[in-house]
Amino acid sequence: MPARSLFSIALLLISACSSAPVPTSTDSGIIGNVTIGPMCPVVQVGRPCPDKPYQANLTVLLSTDRSTVLRFQTDSNGNYRTFLAPGEYILMPESPGLMPHAAEIPFIVHAHQFTRVDVVYDSGIR
């Protein structure tokens, strides 16, 4: 078999193995808001210190093998909406360092629905 044919077959096999299909949809997915808190070192009675919106980078993983499905960024107010096919996923909030930090959130997307997944980052302020 000529080297060119072997190369073409190898390239096709590598492409088939390395690109997982991205589950997408036009009528289902996730919607949510990202906040960060606490924002005050000491919370005092009569002086509210609510969490603030946080623009974050988020990654969606398949729950079965933790492969990356999608990466996206919230808007400046921490809001997002993204399309996903029905299935089980994990939302992984990305952190620029040790802090701020937010935990992974498992979630399920049902057909023809948007699942609400809100994220709260710990600011580390104490």
N, C-alpha and C. Protein backbone atom coordinates (compact mmCIF):
# COMPACT_ATOMS: atom_id res chain seq x y z
N MET A 1 0.85 -1.17 0.00
CA MET A 1 0.00 0.00 0.00
C MET A 1 0.90 1.24 0.00
N PRO A 2 0.63 2.21 -0.86
CA PRO A 2 1.47 3.40 -0.92
C PRO A 2 1.42 4.19 0.39
N ALA A 3 2.51 4.89 0.67
CA ALA A 3 2.62 5.67 1.91
C ALA A 3 1.52 6.72 2.01
N ARG A 4 1.14 7.30 0.87
CA ARG A 4 0.09 8.33 0.87
C ARG A 4 -1.24 7.76 1.36
N SER A 5 -1.58 6.55 0.94
CA SER A 5 -2.82 5.90 1.37
C SER A 5 -2.77 5.58 2.86
N LEU A 6 -1.63 5.09 3.33
CA LEU A 6 -1.48 4.80 4.77
C LEU A 6 -1.64 6.07 5.59
N PHE A 7 -1.05 7.16 5.10
CA PHE A 7 -1.17 8.43 5.81
C PHE A 7 -2.62 8.88 5.88
N SER A 8 -3.35 8.76 4.77
CA SER A 8 -4.76 9.17 4.73
C SER A 8 -5.60 8.33 5.70
N ILE A 9 -5.37 7.04 5.74
CA ILE A 9 -6.11 6.16 6.65
C ILE A 9 -5.79 6.51 8.10
N ALA A 10 -4.52 6.74 8.40
CA ALA A 10 -4.12 7.11 9.76
C ALA A 10 -4.76 8.42 10.17
N LEU A 11 -4.78 9.39 9.27
CA LEU A 11 -5.39 10.69 9.57
C LEU A 11 -6.88 10.55 9.84
N LEU A 12 -7.57 9.74 9.07
CA LEU A 12 -9.00 9.51 9.31
C LEU A 12 -9.25 8.84 10.65
N LEU A 13 -8.43 7.86 11.00
CA LEU A 13 -8.58 7.18 12.29
C LEU A 13 -8.33 8.12 13.45
N ILE A 14 -7.31 8.94 13.36
CA ILE A 14 -7.01 9.91 14.43
C ILE A 14 -8.15 10.90 14.57
N SER A 15 -8.68 11.39 13.47
CA SER A 15 -9.80 12.34 13.51
C SER A 15 -11.03 11.72 14.14
N ALA A 16 -11.31 10.48 13.78
CA ALA A 16 -12.50 9.80 14.32
C ALA A 16 -12.39 9.57 15.81
N CYS A 17 -11.20 9.28 16.29
CA CYS A 17 -11.00 8.97 17.71
C CYS A 17 -10.88 10.22 18.57
N SER A 18 -10.44 11.33 18.01
CA SER A 18 -10.15 12.49 18.84
C SER A 18 -11.28 13.49 18.92
N SER A 19 -12.27 13.41 18.08
CA SER A 19 -13.32 14.41 18.13
C SER A 19 -14.64 13.79 18.56
N ALA A 20 -15.00 14.07 19.81
CA ALA A 20 -16.27 13.59 20.32
C ALA A 20 -17.36 14.54 19.87
N PRO A 21 -18.53 14.04 19.55
CA PRO A 21 -19.61 14.92 19.14
C PRO A 21 -20.06 15.80 20.31
N VAL A 22 -20.33 17.05 20.01
CA VAL A 22 -20.79 17.98 21.04
C VAL A 22 -22.30 17.93 21.08
N PRO A 23 -22.87 17.52 22.24
CA PRO A 23 -24.32 17.47 22.34
C PRO A 23 -24.91 18.87 22.33
N THR A 24 -25.65 19.21 21.30
CA THR A 24 -26.28 20.52 21.22
C THR A 24 -27.76 20.37 20.95
N SER A 25 -28.48 21.45 21.16
CA SER A 25 -29.91 21.46 20.99
C SER A 25 -30.33 22.89 20.71
N THR A 26 -31.55 23.08 20.25
CA THR A 26 -32.06 24.43 20.06
C THR A 26 -33.20 24.75 21.03
N ASP A 27 -33.59 23.76 21.84
CA ASP A 27 -34.70 24.02 22.77
C ASP A 27 -34.47 23.44 24.16
N SER A 28 -33.21 23.14 24.49
CA SER A 28 -32.90 22.69 25.85
C SER A 28 -31.48 23.12 26.19
N GLY A 29 -31.21 23.19 27.50
CA GLY A 29 -29.89 23.60 27.93
C GLY A 29 -29.90 24.04 29.37
N ILE A 30 -29.01 24.98 29.69
CA ILE A 30 -28.94 25.49 31.05
C ILE A 30 -28.98 27.01 31.04
N ILE A 31 -29.46 27.55 32.14
CA ILE A 31 -29.55 28.99 32.34
C ILE A 31 -29.20 29.24 33.80
N GLY A 32 -28.55 30.35 34.08
CA GLY A 32 -28.21 30.60 35.47
C GLY A 32 -27.52 31.92 35.69
N ASN A 33 -27.07 32.07 36.92
CA ASN A 33 -26.41 33.29 37.37
C ASN A 33 -25.23 32.90 38.25
N VAL A 34 -24.15 33.66 38.16
CA VAL A 34 -22.96 33.43 38.96
C VAL A 34 -22.75 34.63 39.87
N THR A 35 -22.54 34.34 41.16
CA THR A 35 -22.27 35.39 42.14
C THR A 35 -21.01 35.04 42.93
N ILE A 36 -20.49 36.04 43.66
CA ILE A 36 -19.33 35.84 44.52
C ILE A 36 -19.60 36.49 45.87
N GLY A 37 -19.17 35.83 46.93
CA GLY A 37 -19.36 36.36 48.27
C GLY A 37 -18.59 35.53 49.28
N PRO A 38 -18.44 35.91 50.48
CA PRO A 38 -18.88 37.21 51.00
C PRO A 38 -18.03 38.34 50.45
N MET A 39 -18.60 39.54 50.49
CA MET A 39 -17.90 40.70 49.96
C MET A 39 -17.42 41.64 51.07
N CYS A 40 -17.76 41.32 52.32
CA CYS A 40 -17.34 42.14 53.46
C CYS A 40 -16.59 41.24 54.46
N PRO A 41 -15.51 41.76 55.06
CA PRO A 41 -14.78 40.93 56.02
C PRO A 41 -15.59 40.62 57.28
N VAL A 42 -16.47 41.55 57.66
CA VAL A 42 -17.31 41.34 58.83
C VAL A 42 -18.72 41.79 58.48
N VAL A 43 -19.67 40.88 58.61
CA VAL A 43 -21.06 41.23 58.36
C VAL A 43 -21.66 41.75 59.65
N GLN A 44 -22.27 42.95 59.58
CA GLN A 44 -22.84 43.58 60.76
C GLN A 44 -24.35 43.71 60.61
N VAL A 45 -25.05 43.64 61.74
CA VAL A 45 -26.50 43.80 61.75
C VAL A 45 -26.84 45.19 61.23
N GLY A 46 -27.79 45.25 60.32
CA GLY A 46 -28.21 46.54 59.77
C GLY A 46 -27.35 47.02 58.61
N ARG A 47 -26.29 46.29 58.30
CA ARG A 47 -25.42 46.65 57.17
C ARG A 47 -25.33 45.44 56.24
N PRO A 48 -26.26 45.34 55.33
CA PRO A 48 -26.25 44.17 54.44
C PRO A 48 -24.99 44.14 53.56
N CYS A 49 -24.58 42.96 53.28
CA CYS A 49 -23.40 42.76 52.43
C CYS A 49 -23.70 41.61 51.48
N PRO A 50 -24.57 41.87 50.49
CA PRO A 50 -24.98 40.79 49.58
C PRO A 50 -23.85 40.34 48.66
N ASP A 51 -24.00 39.12 48.18
CA ASP A 51 -23.08 38.63 47.16
C ASP A 51 -23.23 39.50 45.92
N LYS A 52 -22.18 39.54 45.10
CA LYS A 52 -22.18 40.38 43.90
C LYS A 52 -22.12 39.49 42.64
N PRO A 53 -22.63 40.02 41.53
CA PRO A 53 -22.51 39.28 40.27
C PRO A 53 -21.03 39.06 39.95
N TYR A 54 -20.74 37.94 39.28
CA TYR A 54 -19.35 37.60 38.97
C TYR A 54 -19.27 37.04 37.56
N GLN A 55 -18.43 37.68 36.74
CA GLN A 55 -18.21 37.18 35.39
C GLN A 55 -17.21 36.02 35.48
N ALA A 56 -17.64 34.85 35.03
CA ALA A 56 -16.82 33.65 35.20
C ALA A 56 -16.72 32.85 33.91
N ASN A 57 -15.68 32.03 33.85
CA ASN A 57 -15.53 31.05 32.79
C ASN A 57 -16.04 29.72 33.33
N LEU A 58 -16.91 29.08 32.58
CA LEU A 58 -17.52 27.82 33.00
C LEU A 58 -17.28 26.75 31.94
N THR A 59 -17.11 25.52 32.41
CA THR A 59 -16.92 24.38 31.53
C THR A 59 -17.99 23.34 31.82
N VAL A 60 -18.59 22.81 30.76
CA VAL A 60 -19.58 21.74 30.89
C VAL A 60 -18.90 20.44 30.50
N LEU A 61 -19.01 19.44 31.38
CA LEU A 61 -18.43 18.12 31.15
C LEU A 61 -19.54 17.08 31.05
N LEU A 62 -19.32 16.04 30.26
CA LEU A 62 -20.23 14.89 30.28
C LEU A 62 -20.02 14.17 31.61
N SER A 63 -21.08 13.78 32.27
CA SER A 63 -20.91 13.12 33.57
C SER A 63 -20.36 11.71 33.42
N THR A 64 -20.54 11.08 32.27
CA THR A 64 -20.09 9.69 32.10
C THR A 64 -18.58 9.56 32.07
N ASP A 65 -17.91 10.44 31.32
CA ASP A 65 -16.45 10.32 31.19
C ASP A 65 -15.69 11.62 31.46
N ARG A 66 -16.41 12.66 31.89
CA ARG A 66 -15.83 13.96 32.22
C ARG A 66 -15.14 14.62 31.02
N SER A 67 -15.56 14.26 29.82
CA SER A 67 -15.01 14.92 28.64
C SER A 67 -15.65 16.30 28.49
N THR A 68 -14.89 17.24 27.98
CA THR A 68 -15.37 18.61 27.82
C THR A 68 -16.37 18.68 26.68
N VAL A 69 -17.52 19.27 26.98
CA VAL A 69 -18.57 19.47 25.99
C VAL A 69 -18.54 20.90 25.48
N LEU A 70 -18.34 21.84 26.41
CA LEU A 70 -18.49 23.25 26.07
C LEU A 70 -17.77 24.11 27.10
N ARG A 71 -17.16 25.19 26.65
CA ARG A 71 -16.60 26.22 27.53
C ARG A 71 -17.24 27.54 27.13
N PHE A 72 -17.59 28.34 28.14
CA PHE A 72 -18.20 29.63 27.84
C PHE A 72 -17.97 30.59 29.00
N GLN A 73 -18.26 31.87 28.75
CA GLN A 73 -18.11 32.90 29.78
C GLN A 73 -19.46 33.56 30.01
N THR A 74 -19.74 33.88 31.28
CA THR A 74 -20.97 34.59 31.60
C THR A 74 -20.85 36.04 31.12
N ASP A 75 -21.96 36.76 31.13
CA ASP A 75 -21.87 38.18 30.83
C ASP A 75 -21.34 38.92 32.06
N SER A 76 -21.21 40.22 31.98
CA SER A 76 -20.62 40.99 33.09
C SER A 76 -21.48 40.97 34.35
N ASN A 77 -22.75 40.62 34.23
CA ASN A 77 -23.64 40.51 35.39
C ASN A 77 -23.72 39.08 35.92
N GLY A 78 -22.90 38.18 35.38
CA GLY A 78 -22.88 36.79 35.83
C GLY A 78 -23.96 35.92 35.23
N ASN A 79 -24.73 36.44 34.28
CA ASN A 79 -25.82 35.68 33.68
C ASN A 79 -25.33 34.86 32.48
N TYR A 80 -25.99 33.74 32.27
CA TYR A 80 -25.68 32.92 31.10
C TYR A 80 -26.88 32.08 30.70
N ARG A 81 -26.85 31.68 29.44
CA ARG A 81 -27.82 30.73 28.89
C ARG A 81 -27.11 30.03 27.75
N THR A 82 -27.10 28.72 27.77
CA THR A 82 -26.43 27.98 26.70
C THR A 82 -27.22 26.72 26.36
N PHE A 83 -27.14 26.32 25.12
CA PHE A 83 -27.89 25.18 24.62
C PHE A 83 -27.12 23.89 24.84
N LEU A 84 -27.82 22.86 25.29
CA LEU A 84 -27.26 21.52 25.45
C LEU A 84 -28.33 20.49 25.13
N ALA A 85 -27.91 19.37 24.60
CA ALA A 85 -28.84 18.27 24.36
C ALA A 85 -29.22 17.64 25.70
N PRO A 86 -30.36 16.98 25.77
CA PRO A 86 -30.73 16.29 27.01
C PRO A 86 -29.63 15.31 27.44
N GLY A 87 -29.38 15.25 28.73
CA GLY A 87 -28.36 14.35 29.25
C GLY A 87 -27.89 14.77 30.62
N GLU A 88 -26.91 14.03 31.15
CA GLU A 88 -26.35 14.30 32.47
C GLU A 88 -24.97 14.94 32.29
N TYR A 89 -24.77 16.04 33.00
CA TYR A 89 -23.56 16.83 32.86
C TYR A 89 -23.02 17.26 34.22
N ILE A 90 -21.86 17.90 34.17
CA ILE A 90 -21.25 18.54 35.34
C ILE A 90 -20.84 19.94 34.91
N LEU A 91 -21.23 20.95 35.70
CA LEU A 91 -20.78 22.32 35.44
C LEU A 91 -19.56 22.56 36.31
N MET A 92 -18.45 22.89 35.68
CA MET A 92 -17.20 23.10 36.40
C MET A 92 -16.82 24.59 36.30
N PRO A 93 -17.02 25.34 37.39
CA PRO A 93 -16.59 26.74 37.41
C PRO A 93 -15.06 26.80 37.44
N GLU A 94 -14.49 27.61 36.57
CA GLU A 94 -13.04 27.74 36.53
C GLU A 94 -12.60 28.83 37.51
N SER A 95 -11.44 28.64 38.11
CA SER A 95 -10.89 29.59 39.07
C SER A 95 -9.54 30.10 38.57
N PRO A 96 -9.29 31.41 38.76
CA PRO A 96 -8.02 31.96 38.32
C PRO A 96 -6.85 31.53 39.22
N GLY A 97 -7.15 31.01 40.38
CA GLY A 97 -6.14 30.57 41.35
C GLY A 97 -6.83 29.80 42.45
N LEU A 98 -6.29 29.86 43.64
CA LEU A 98 -6.91 29.20 44.78
C LEU A 98 -8.27 29.82 45.09
N MET A 99 -8.33 31.13 45.04
CA MET A 99 -9.56 31.87 45.29
C MET A 99 -9.76 32.86 44.16
N PRO A 100 -10.95 33.20 43.81
CA PRO A 100 -12.20 32.61 44.30
C PRO A 100 -12.36 31.18 43.80
N HIS A 101 -13.22 30.45 44.50
CA HIS A 101 -13.42 29.05 44.18
C HIS A 101 -14.91 28.71 44.25
N ALA A 102 -15.34 27.84 43.33
CA ALA A 102 -16.72 27.33 43.35
C ALA A 102 -16.69 25.84 43.07
N ALA A 103 -17.60 25.12 43.69
CA ALA A 103 -17.66 23.66 43.54
C ALA A 103 -18.31 23.27 42.22
N GLU A 104 -17.96 22.07 41.74
CA GLU A 104 -18.61 21.50 40.57
C GLU A 104 -20.07 21.22 40.89
N ILE A 105 -20.92 21.31 39.89
CA ILE A 105 -22.35 21.10 40.08
C ILE A 105 -22.86 20.09 39.05
N PRO A 106 -23.28 18.90 39.50
CA PRO A 106 -23.91 17.97 38.56
C PRO A 106 -25.33 18.43 38.24
N PHE A 107 -25.76 18.21 37.00
CA PHE A 107 -27.13 18.61 36.62
C PHE A 107 -27.61 17.73 35.47
N ILE A 108 -28.91 17.77 35.27
CA ILE A 108 -29.54 17.01 34.19
C ILE A 108 -30.32 17.98 33.30
N VAL A 109 -30.16 17.83 32.00
CA VAL A 109 -30.95 18.60 31.03
C VAL A 109 -32.02 17.66 30.48
N HIS A 110 -33.27 18.11 30.58
CA HIS A 110 -34.40 17.34 30.05
C HIS A 110 -34.79 17.91 28.69
N ALA A 111 -35.37 17.08 27.86
CA ALA A 111 -35.80 17.50 26.53
C ALA A 111 -36.76 18.68 26.61
N HIS A 112 -36.55 19.67 25.77
CA HIS A 112 -37.42 20.84 25.63
C HIS A 112 -37.48 21.70 26.88
N GLN A 113 -36.44 21.65 27.72
CA GLN A 113 -36.42 22.45 28.96
C GLN A 113 -35.03 23.05 29.18
N PHE A 114 -35.01 24.17 29.91
CA PHE A 114 -33.76 24.75 30.37
C PHE A 114 -33.66 24.51 31.87
N THR A 115 -32.56 23.95 32.30
CA THR A 115 -32.32 23.66 33.71
C THR A 115 -31.59 24.84 34.33
N ARG A 116 -32.07 25.29 35.49
CA ARG A 116 -31.42 26.41 36.18
C ARG A 116 -30.25 25.86 37.00
N VAL A 117 -29.05 26.44 36.77
CA VAL A 117 -27.85 26.06 37.50
C VAL A 117 -27.15 27.35 37.91
N ASP A 118 -27.33 27.75 39.17
CA ASP A 118 -26.67 28.94 39.69
C ASP A 118 -25.37 28.54 40.37
N VAL A 119 -24.38 29.41 40.27
CA VAL A 119 -23.05 29.15 40.82
C VAL A 119 -22.72 30.24 41.82
N VAL A 120 -22.17 29.84 42.99
CA VAL A 120 -21.71 30.80 43.99
C VAL A 120 -20.23 30.56 44.24
N TYR A 121 -19.42 31.56 43.92
CA TYR A 121 -17.99 31.52 44.20
C TYR A 121 -17.74 32.00 45.61
N ASP A 122 -16.83 31.34 46.30
CA ASP A 122 -16.35 31.76 47.61
C ASP A 122 -15.21 32.74 47.37
N SER A 123 -15.36 33.96 47.86
CA SER A 123 -14.36 35.00 47.64
C SER A 123 -13.11 34.79 48.50
N GLY A 124 -13.26 34.06 49.60
CA GLY A 124 -12.14 33.87 50.52
C GLY A 124 -12.04 34.95 51.57
N ILE A 125 -12.89 35.99 51.48
CA ILE A 125 -12.87 37.06 52.48
C ILE A 125 -13.49 36.56 53.77
N ARG A 126 -12.76 36.71 54.86
CA ARG A 126 -13.28 36.30 56.17
C ARG A 126 -12.93 37.33 57.21
